[in-house]
Amino acid sequence: MMRVRCAIYTRKSSEEGLEQDFNSLDAQFEACAAYIKSQASEGWLLGKERYDDGGISGGTLARPGLNRLLEDIAAGRIDIVVVYKVDRLTRSLLDFAKLVETFDKADTSFVSITQSFNTTTSMGRLTLNMLL
């Protein structure tokens, strides 16, 4: 079976509640981790690194967690990026197009677990192309 290396990216715009033992970033991470586990028969494996950005707007790509994620994608360490919702990745259509181009260059797909958005499938790619 082929090994598919997955990374979870989480983001929350405000810092409110981030000091709690279990916060929004943790909830997003757990939901995404459960989804990855449900795809184990497809060879999906969760990587050890966490890519979190707490208290940073989705209107900018200048985010430490996102930048580390992009570095690992460029280095060929990630096959699929898993997010809770597409807007966790970005709120800008232009930035979204840039990110997808970066993913494509590295042969990396992405999945939004709460929306029908999965670029590992041909239908997901078609949906993406229609959006862009």
Foldseek 3Di string as FASTA:
>chain_A
DDAAEEAEEFEDQAQPQVPDPQGPRNVFVVVQQVVQVVCVVVNRDYDPDHQYFYNHALADCPTPSNVVVLVCLVVLNHAEYEGQAPCRNHPDPVVVVVVVVSCVVSNHWYYHPVDPATVVDPVNVVVVVVSD
